[in-house]
């Protein structure tokens, strides 16, 4: 990007990977990178839910011809943009898991007898 600014490049440049990526593929990447417990299911285009999604989401492909032309002149674009966007989410998910585990550890100190809650004090 800096090299493009130094060359005073002007105009619209779509910094995207060539080719489309589906919501299902993004969900699979999310499972692979962030949370392996997620179980994405493909939604068929011919299903009612698929038609609703198609009607409400912008499905478009951006032109990458200028980007590809610049690559032949030495410009290197970031690869795997989808991956790089998901790695920060992986860190957030790890923090949330730790917080949930701390909450679980705290709730395990409580026993629920028939009449109410009884706190087990670790400092007898």
N, C-alpha and C. Protein backbone atom coordinates (compact mmCIF):
# COMPACT_ATOMS: atom_id res chain seq x y z
N UNK A 1 0.82 -1.18 0.00
CA UNK A 1 0.00 0.00 0.00
C UNK A 1 0.87 1.25 0.00
N UNK A 2 1.93 1.23 0.78
CA UNK A 2 2.82 2.39 0.82
C UNK A 2 3.42 2.65 -0.55
N UNK A 3 3.80 1.57 -1.24
CA UNK A 3 4.39 1.75 -2.57
C UNK A 3 3.39 2.39 -3.53
N UNK A 4 2.12 2.05 -3.40
CA UNK A 4 1.10 2.68 -4.24
C UNK A 4 0.96 4.16 -3.92
N UNK A 5 1.03 4.51 -2.65
CA UNK A 5 0.95 5.92 -2.27
C UNK A 5 2.17 6.68 -2.76
N UNK A 6 3.35 6.06 -2.66
CA UNK A 6 4.56 6.71 -3.14
C UNK A 6 4.49 6.98 -4.64
N UNK A 7 3.84 6.07 -5.37
CA UNK A 7 3.69 6.24 -6.82
C UNK A 7 2.50 7.13 -7.16
N UNK A 8 1.83 7.64 -6.11
CA UNK A 8 0.67 8.51 -6.27
C UNK A 8 -0.43 7.85 -7.10
N UNK A 9 -0.66 6.59 -6.80
CA UNK A 9 -1.73 5.85 -7.48
C UNK A 9 -3.06 6.47 -7.09
N UNK A 10 -3.93 6.65 -8.04
CA UNK A 10 -5.26 7.19 -7.78
C UNK A 10 -6.31 6.30 -8.40
N UNK A 11 -7.49 6.34 -7.85
CA UNK A 11 -8.58 5.56 -8.40
C UNK A 11 -9.10 4.54 -7.41
N UNK A 12 -10.04 3.77 -7.88
CA UNK A 12 -10.66 2.73 -7.04
C UNK A 12 -9.90 1.43 -7.20
N UNK A 13 -9.53 0.85 -6.08
CA UNK A 13 -8.81 -0.41 -6.07
C UNK A 13 -9.50 -1.34 -5.08
N UNK A 14 -10.07 -2.41 -5.57
CA UNK A 14 -10.75 -3.38 -4.71
C UNK A 14 -9.72 -4.35 -4.15
N UNK A 15 -9.42 -4.21 -2.86
CA UNK A 15 -8.44 -5.08 -2.21
C UNK A 15 -9.15 -6.32 -1.67
N UNK A 16 -9.44 -7.22 -2.57
CA UNK A 16 -10.16 -8.44 -2.22
C UNK A 16 -9.50 -9.62 -2.90
N UNK A 17 -9.78 -10.80 -2.37
CA UNK A 17 -9.31 -12.01 -3.04
C UNK A 17 -10.12 -12.22 -4.30
N UNK A 18 -9.49 -12.69 -5.37
CA UNK A 18 -10.28 -12.97 -6.57
C UNK A 18 -11.18 -14.17 -6.33
N UNK A 19 -12.34 -14.14 -6.91
CA UNK A 19 -13.28 -15.25 -6.75
C UNK A 19 -14.17 -15.06 -5.55
N UNK A 20 -15.35 -15.62 -5.61
CA UNK A 20 -16.31 -15.46 -4.51
C UNK A 20 -16.01 -16.41 -3.35
N UNK A 21 -16.53 -16.06 -2.18
CA UNK A 21 -16.50 -16.94 -1.02
C UNK A 21 -17.90 -16.93 -0.43
N UNK A 22 -18.40 -18.08 -0.12
CA UNK A 22 -19.78 -18.18 0.38
C UNK A 22 -19.81 -18.01 1.90
N UNK A 23 -21.00 -17.71 2.40
CA UNK A 23 -21.19 -17.61 3.84
C UNK A 23 -20.84 -18.93 4.52
N UNK A 24 -21.17 -20.04 3.88
CA UNK A 24 -20.84 -21.36 4.42
C UNK A 24 -19.32 -21.54 4.53
N UNK A 25 -18.58 -21.10 3.50
CA UNK A 25 -17.12 -21.21 3.56
C UNK A 25 -16.55 -20.34 4.68
N UNK A 26 -17.13 -19.17 4.89
CA UNK A 26 -16.69 -18.31 5.99
C UNK A 26 -16.99 -18.99 7.32
N UNK A 27 -18.16 -19.61 7.44
CA UNK A 27 -18.51 -20.32 8.67
C UNK A 27 -17.56 -21.49 8.92
N UNK A 28 -17.15 -22.18 7.85
CA UNK A 28 -16.18 -23.27 8.00
C UNK A 28 -14.82 -22.73 8.47
N UNK A 29 -14.41 -21.59 7.92
CA UNK A 29 -13.16 -20.97 8.38
C UNK A 29 -13.27 -20.57 9.84
N UNK A 30 -14.44 -20.02 10.23
CA UNK A 30 -14.67 -19.65 11.62
C UNK A 30 -14.51 -20.87 12.53
N UNK A 31 -15.08 -21.98 12.12
CA UNK A 31 -14.96 -23.22 12.89
C UNK A 31 -13.50 -23.65 12.98
N UNK A 32 -12.80 -23.60 11.87
CA UNK A 32 -11.40 -24.04 11.81
C UNK A 32 -10.49 -23.15 12.66
N UNK A 33 -10.71 -21.85 12.63
CA UNK A 33 -9.79 -20.91 13.27
C UNK A 33 -10.23 -20.52 14.68
N UNK A 34 -11.53 -20.27 14.87
CA UNK A 34 -12.00 -19.67 16.11
C UNK A 34 -12.62 -20.68 17.07
N UNK A 35 -13.62 -21.41 16.61
CA UNK A 35 -14.41 -22.23 17.53
C UNK A 35 -14.76 -23.57 16.89
N UNK A 36 -14.04 -24.64 17.24
CA UNK A 36 -14.30 -25.95 16.63
C UNK A 36 -15.65 -26.56 17.02
N UNK A 37 -16.34 -25.98 18.00
CA UNK A 37 -17.64 -26.53 18.38
C UNK A 37 -18.77 -26.07 17.47
N UNK A 38 -18.51 -25.06 16.65
CA UNK A 38 -19.53 -24.57 15.71
C UNK A 38 -19.73 -25.62 14.63
N UNK A 39 -20.98 -25.86 14.27
CA UNK A 39 -21.28 -26.86 13.25
C UNK A 39 -22.07 -26.21 12.11
N UNK A 40 -21.37 -25.54 11.18
CA UNK A 40 -22.09 -24.86 10.10
C UNK A 40 -22.75 -25.86 9.16
N UNK A 41 -23.95 -25.53 8.75
CA UNK A 41 -24.69 -26.36 7.81
C UNK A 41 -24.95 -25.54 6.55
N UNK A 42 -24.70 -26.11 5.39
CA UNK A 42 -24.99 -25.35 4.16
C UNK A 42 -26.49 -25.15 4.01
N UNK A 43 -26.84 -24.00 3.45
CA UNK A 43 -28.25 -23.69 3.21
C UNK A 43 -28.46 -23.68 1.71
N UNK A 44 -29.31 -24.56 1.23
CA UNK A 44 -29.57 -24.66 -0.20
C UNK A 44 -30.26 -23.41 -0.74
N UNK A 45 -29.89 -23.00 -1.93
CA UNK A 45 -30.47 -21.82 -2.56
C UNK A 45 -31.97 -22.02 -2.82
N UNK A 46 -32.37 -23.25 -3.05
CA UNK A 46 -33.78 -23.52 -3.37
C UNK A 46 -34.67 -23.62 -2.13
N UNK A 47 -34.08 -23.60 -0.93
CA UNK A 47 -34.88 -23.68 0.29
C UNK A 47 -35.49 -22.31 0.60
N UNK A 48 -36.51 -22.32 1.46
CA UNK A 48 -37.14 -21.05 1.85
C UNK A 48 -36.14 -20.14 2.54
N UNK A 49 -35.36 -20.71 3.45
CA UNK A 49 -34.36 -19.91 4.16
C UNK A 49 -33.31 -19.37 3.20
N UNK A 50 -32.90 -20.19 2.24
CA UNK A 50 -31.94 -19.75 1.24
C UNK A 50 -32.46 -18.58 0.42
N UNK A 51 -33.74 -18.61 0.06
CA UNK A 51 -34.34 -17.52 -0.70
C UNK A 51 -34.40 -16.23 0.12
N UNK A 52 -34.69 -16.37 1.41
CA UNK A 52 -34.71 -15.19 2.30
C UNK A 52 -33.32 -14.58 2.39
N UNK A 53 -32.32 -15.42 2.58
CA UNK A 53 -30.95 -14.92 2.67
C UNK A 53 -30.53 -14.25 1.37
N UNK A 54 -30.83 -14.87 0.24
CA UNK A 54 -30.48 -14.27 -1.05
C UNK A 54 -31.17 -12.93 -1.25
N UNK A 55 -32.40 -12.81 -0.76
CA UNK A 55 -33.15 -11.58 -0.93
C UNK A 55 -32.69 -10.44 -0.04
N UNK A 56 -32.00 -10.76 1.05
CA UNK A 56 -31.62 -9.72 2.01
C UNK A 56 -30.13 -9.43 2.04
N UNK A 57 -29.33 -10.24 1.41
CA UNK A 57 -27.88 -10.05 1.45
C UNK A 57 -27.37 -9.61 0.09
N UNK A 58 -26.39 -8.75 0.12
CA UNK A 58 -25.76 -8.33 -1.13
C UNK A 58 -24.76 -9.37 -1.58
N UNK A 59 -25.06 -10.05 -2.64
CA UNK A 59 -24.15 -11.04 -3.19
C UNK A 59 -23.54 -10.45 -4.44
N UNK A 60 -22.31 -10.00 -4.32
CA UNK A 60 -21.67 -9.39 -5.47
C UNK A 60 -20.19 -9.79 -5.49
N UNK A 61 -19.61 -9.70 -6.64
CA UNK A 61 -18.18 -9.95 -6.80
C UNK A 61 -17.55 -8.65 -7.26
N UNK A 62 -16.50 -8.24 -6.59
CA UNK A 62 -15.80 -7.02 -6.97
C UNK A 62 -14.76 -7.32 -8.03
N UNK A 63 -14.56 -6.38 -8.92
CA UNK A 63 -13.61 -6.53 -10.01
C UNK A 63 -12.19 -6.48 -9.46
N UNK A 64 -11.39 -7.50 -9.75
CA UNK A 64 -10.00 -7.55 -9.27
C UNK A 64 -8.99 -7.38 -10.40
N UNK A 65 -9.45 -7.01 -11.59
CA UNK A 65 -8.53 -6.93 -12.73
C UNK A 65 -7.43 -5.89 -12.51
N UNK A 66 -7.75 -4.74 -11.92
CA UNK A 66 -6.72 -3.73 -11.67
C UNK A 66 -5.72 -4.24 -10.64
N UNK A 67 -6.20 -4.89 -9.62
CA UNK A 67 -5.32 -5.46 -8.60
C UNK A 67 -4.39 -6.49 -9.21
N UNK A 68 -4.94 -7.35 -10.06
CA UNK A 68 -4.11 -8.37 -10.72
C UNK A 68 -3.08 -7.73 -11.64
N UNK A 69 -3.45 -6.65 -12.31
CA UNK A 69 -2.52 -5.93 -13.18
C UNK A 69 -1.38 -5.33 -12.35
N UNK A 70 -1.73 -4.76 -11.19
CA UNK A 70 -0.71 -4.18 -10.32
C UNK A 70 0.22 -5.26 -9.77
N UNK A 71 -0.31 -6.45 -9.52
CA UNK A 71 0.54 -7.54 -9.04
C UNK A 71 1.62 -7.89 -10.04
N UNK A 72 1.30 -7.80 -11.32
CA UNK A 72 2.30 -8.08 -12.35
C UNK A 72 3.39 -7.01 -12.37
N UNK A 73 3.09 -5.84 -11.77
CA UNK A 73 4.08 -4.76 -11.70
C UNK A 73 4.76 -4.70 -10.34
N UNK A 74 4.67 -5.76 -9.56
CA UNK A 74 5.40 -5.83 -8.30
C UNK A 74 4.60 -5.59 -7.04
N UNK A 75 3.35 -5.14 -7.14
CA UNK A 75 2.54 -4.93 -5.94
C UNK A 75 2.11 -6.28 -5.39
N UNK A 76 2.26 -6.45 -4.08
CA UNK A 76 1.85 -7.71 -3.44
C UNK A 76 0.68 -7.42 -2.52
N UNK A 77 -0.40 -8.09 -2.77
CA UNK A 77 -1.57 -7.91 -1.91
C UNK A 77 -1.51 -8.89 -0.75
N UNK A 78 -2.17 -8.55 0.35
CA UNK A 78 -2.25 -9.51 1.45
C UNK A 78 -3.00 -10.75 1.00
N UNK A 79 -2.54 -11.91 1.42
CA UNK A 79 -3.22 -13.15 1.05
C UNK A 79 -4.12 -13.59 2.19
N UNK A 80 -5.11 -14.38 1.84
CA UNK A 80 -6.04 -14.95 2.82
C UNK A 80 -6.64 -13.91 3.75
N UNK A 81 -7.28 -12.91 3.15
CA UNK A 81 -7.90 -11.85 3.94
C UNK A 81 -8.92 -12.42 4.92
N UNK A 82 -9.66 -13.43 4.51
CA UNK A 82 -10.66 -14.03 5.40
C UNK A 82 -9.99 -14.60 6.64
N UNK A 83 -8.85 -15.26 6.44
CA UNK A 83 -8.12 -15.83 7.58
C UNK A 83 -7.66 -14.72 8.52
N UNK A 84 -7.06 -13.66 7.96
CA UNK A 84 -6.49 -12.62 8.81
C UNK A 84 -7.57 -11.89 9.59
N UNK A 85 -8.79 -11.85 9.09
CA UNK A 85 -9.88 -11.21 9.82
C UNK A 85 -10.39 -12.08 10.96
N UNK A 86 -10.22 -13.39 10.86
CA UNK A 86 -10.75 -14.29 11.87
C UNK A 86 -9.79 -14.51 13.05
N UNK A 87 -8.50 -14.30 12.85
CA UNK A 87 -7.56 -14.55 13.95
C UNK A 87 -7.79 -13.65 15.16
N UNK A 88 -8.13 -12.35 15.00
CA UNK A 88 -8.46 -11.57 16.20
C UNK A 88 -9.68 -12.13 16.94
N UNK A 89 -10.64 -12.69 16.20
CA UNK A 89 -11.80 -13.30 16.84
C UNK A 89 -11.39 -14.52 17.67
N UNK A 90 -10.36 -15.22 17.21
CA UNK A 90 -9.87 -16.38 17.95
C UNK A 90 -9.39 -15.94 19.34
N UNK A 91 -8.70 -14.81 19.40
CA UNK A 91 -8.21 -14.30 20.69
C UNK A 91 -9.38 -13.92 21.59
N UNK A 92 -10.38 -13.26 21.03
CA UNK A 92 -11.56 -12.87 21.80
C UNK A 92 -12.27 -14.10 22.34
N UNK A 93 -12.43 -15.11 21.50
CA UNK A 93 -13.10 -16.35 21.92
C UNK A 93 -12.33 -17.02 23.05
N UNK A 94 -11.01 -17.01 22.98
CA UNK A 94 -10.19 -17.61 24.04
C UNK A 94 -10.37 -16.86 25.36
N UNK A 95 -10.43 -15.55 25.29
CA UNK A 95 -10.64 -14.75 26.50
C UNK A 95 -12.02 -15.06 27.09
N UNK A 96 -13.03 -15.14 26.24
CA UNK A 96 -14.38 -15.44 26.73
C UNK A 96 -14.45 -16.83 27.36
N UNK A 97 -13.75 -17.80 26.76
CA UNK A 97 -13.73 -19.15 27.35
C UNK A 97 -13.11 -19.11 28.74
N UNK A 98 -12.03 -18.36 28.90
CA UNK A 98 -11.38 -18.24 30.21
C UNK A 98 -12.32 -17.59 31.21
N UNK A 99 -13.03 -16.54 30.77
CA UNK A 99 -13.98 -15.88 31.67
C UNK A 99 -15.09 -16.83 32.07
N UNK A 100 -15.61 -17.61 31.12
CA UNK A 100 -16.67 -18.58 31.45
C UNK A 100 -16.15 -19.63 32.42
N UNK A 101 -14.91 -20.08 32.23
CA UNK A 101 -14.35 -21.07 33.15
C UNK A 101 -14.21 -20.50 34.54
N UNK A 102 -13.82 -19.21 34.65
CA UNK A 102 -13.73 -18.58 35.97
C UNK A 102 -15.11 -18.53 36.61
N UNK A 103 -16.14 -18.20 35.82
CA UNK A 103 -17.50 -18.16 36.35
C UNK A 103 -17.94 -19.55 36.79
N UNK A 104 -17.60 -20.57 36.01
CA UNK A 104 -17.95 -21.94 36.39
C UNK A 104 -17.25 -22.34 37.68
N UNK A 105 -15.97 -21.97 37.79
CA UNK A 105 -15.24 -22.29 39.02
C UNK A 105 -15.93 -21.65 40.21
N UNK A 106 -16.43 -20.42 40.03
CA UNK A 106 -17.10 -19.73 41.11
C UNK A 106 -18.43 -20.42 41.45
N UNK A 107 -19.17 -20.86 40.44
CA UNK A 107 -20.46 -21.49 40.72
C UNK A 107 -20.30 -22.89 41.28
N UNK A 108 -19.18 -23.53 41.05
CA UNK A 108 -18.96 -24.87 41.60
C UNK A 108 -18.79 -24.84 43.11
N UNK A 109 -18.59 -23.65 43.65
CA UNK A 109 -18.44 -23.54 45.10
C UNK A 109 -19.79 -23.56 45.80
N UNK A 110 -20.85 -23.59 45.02
CA UNK A 110 -22.20 -23.59 45.58
C UNK A 110 -22.81 -24.97 45.44
N UNK A 111 -23.47 -25.42 46.50
CA UNK A 111 -24.21 -26.68 46.46
C UNK A 111 -25.68 -26.33 46.61
N UNK A 112 -26.51 -26.99 45.85
CA UNK A 112 -27.94 -26.68 45.90
C UNK A 112 -28.68 -27.82 46.59
N UNK A 113 -28.82 -27.75 47.93
CA UNK A 113 -29.63 -28.74 48.60
C UNK A 113 -31.11 -28.48 48.31
N UNK A 114 -31.98 -29.32 48.83
CA UNK A 114 -33.40 -29.21 48.52
C UNK A 114 -34.03 -27.87 48.86
N UNK A 115 -33.51 -27.14 49.84
CA UNK A 115 -34.19 -25.91 50.29
C UNK A 115 -33.55 -24.63 49.79
N UNK A 116 -32.37 -24.66 49.28
CA UNK A 116 -31.74 -23.41 48.82
C UNK A 116 -30.27 -23.61 48.51
N UNK A 117 -29.58 -22.51 48.39
CA UNK A 117 -28.16 -22.57 48.06
C UNK A 117 -27.32 -22.55 49.33
N UNK A 118 -26.26 -23.28 49.34
CA UNK A 118 -25.34 -23.34 50.47
C UNK A 118 -23.96 -23.05 49.92
N UNK A 119 -23.32 -22.05 50.47
CA UNK A 119 -21.98 -21.68 49.99
C UNK A 119 -20.95 -22.52 50.72
N UNK A 120 -20.02 -23.08 49.96
CA UNK A 120 -18.91 -23.82 50.55
C UNK A 120 -17.75 -22.85 50.65
N UNK A 121 -17.35 -22.55 51.86
CA UNK A 121 -16.26 -21.60 52.07
C UNK A 121 -14.95 -22.36 52.07
N UNK A 122 -14.04 -21.97 51.20
CA UNK A 122 -12.75 -22.65 51.09
C UNK A 122 -11.81 -22.25 52.22
N UNK A 123 -12.19 -21.24 53.01
CA UNK A 123 -11.31 -20.75 54.08
C UNK A 123 -11.83 -21.15 55.45
N UNK A 124 -12.10 -22.44 55.71
CA UNK A 124 -12.67 -22.81 57.02
C UNK A 124 -11.70 -22.42 58.10
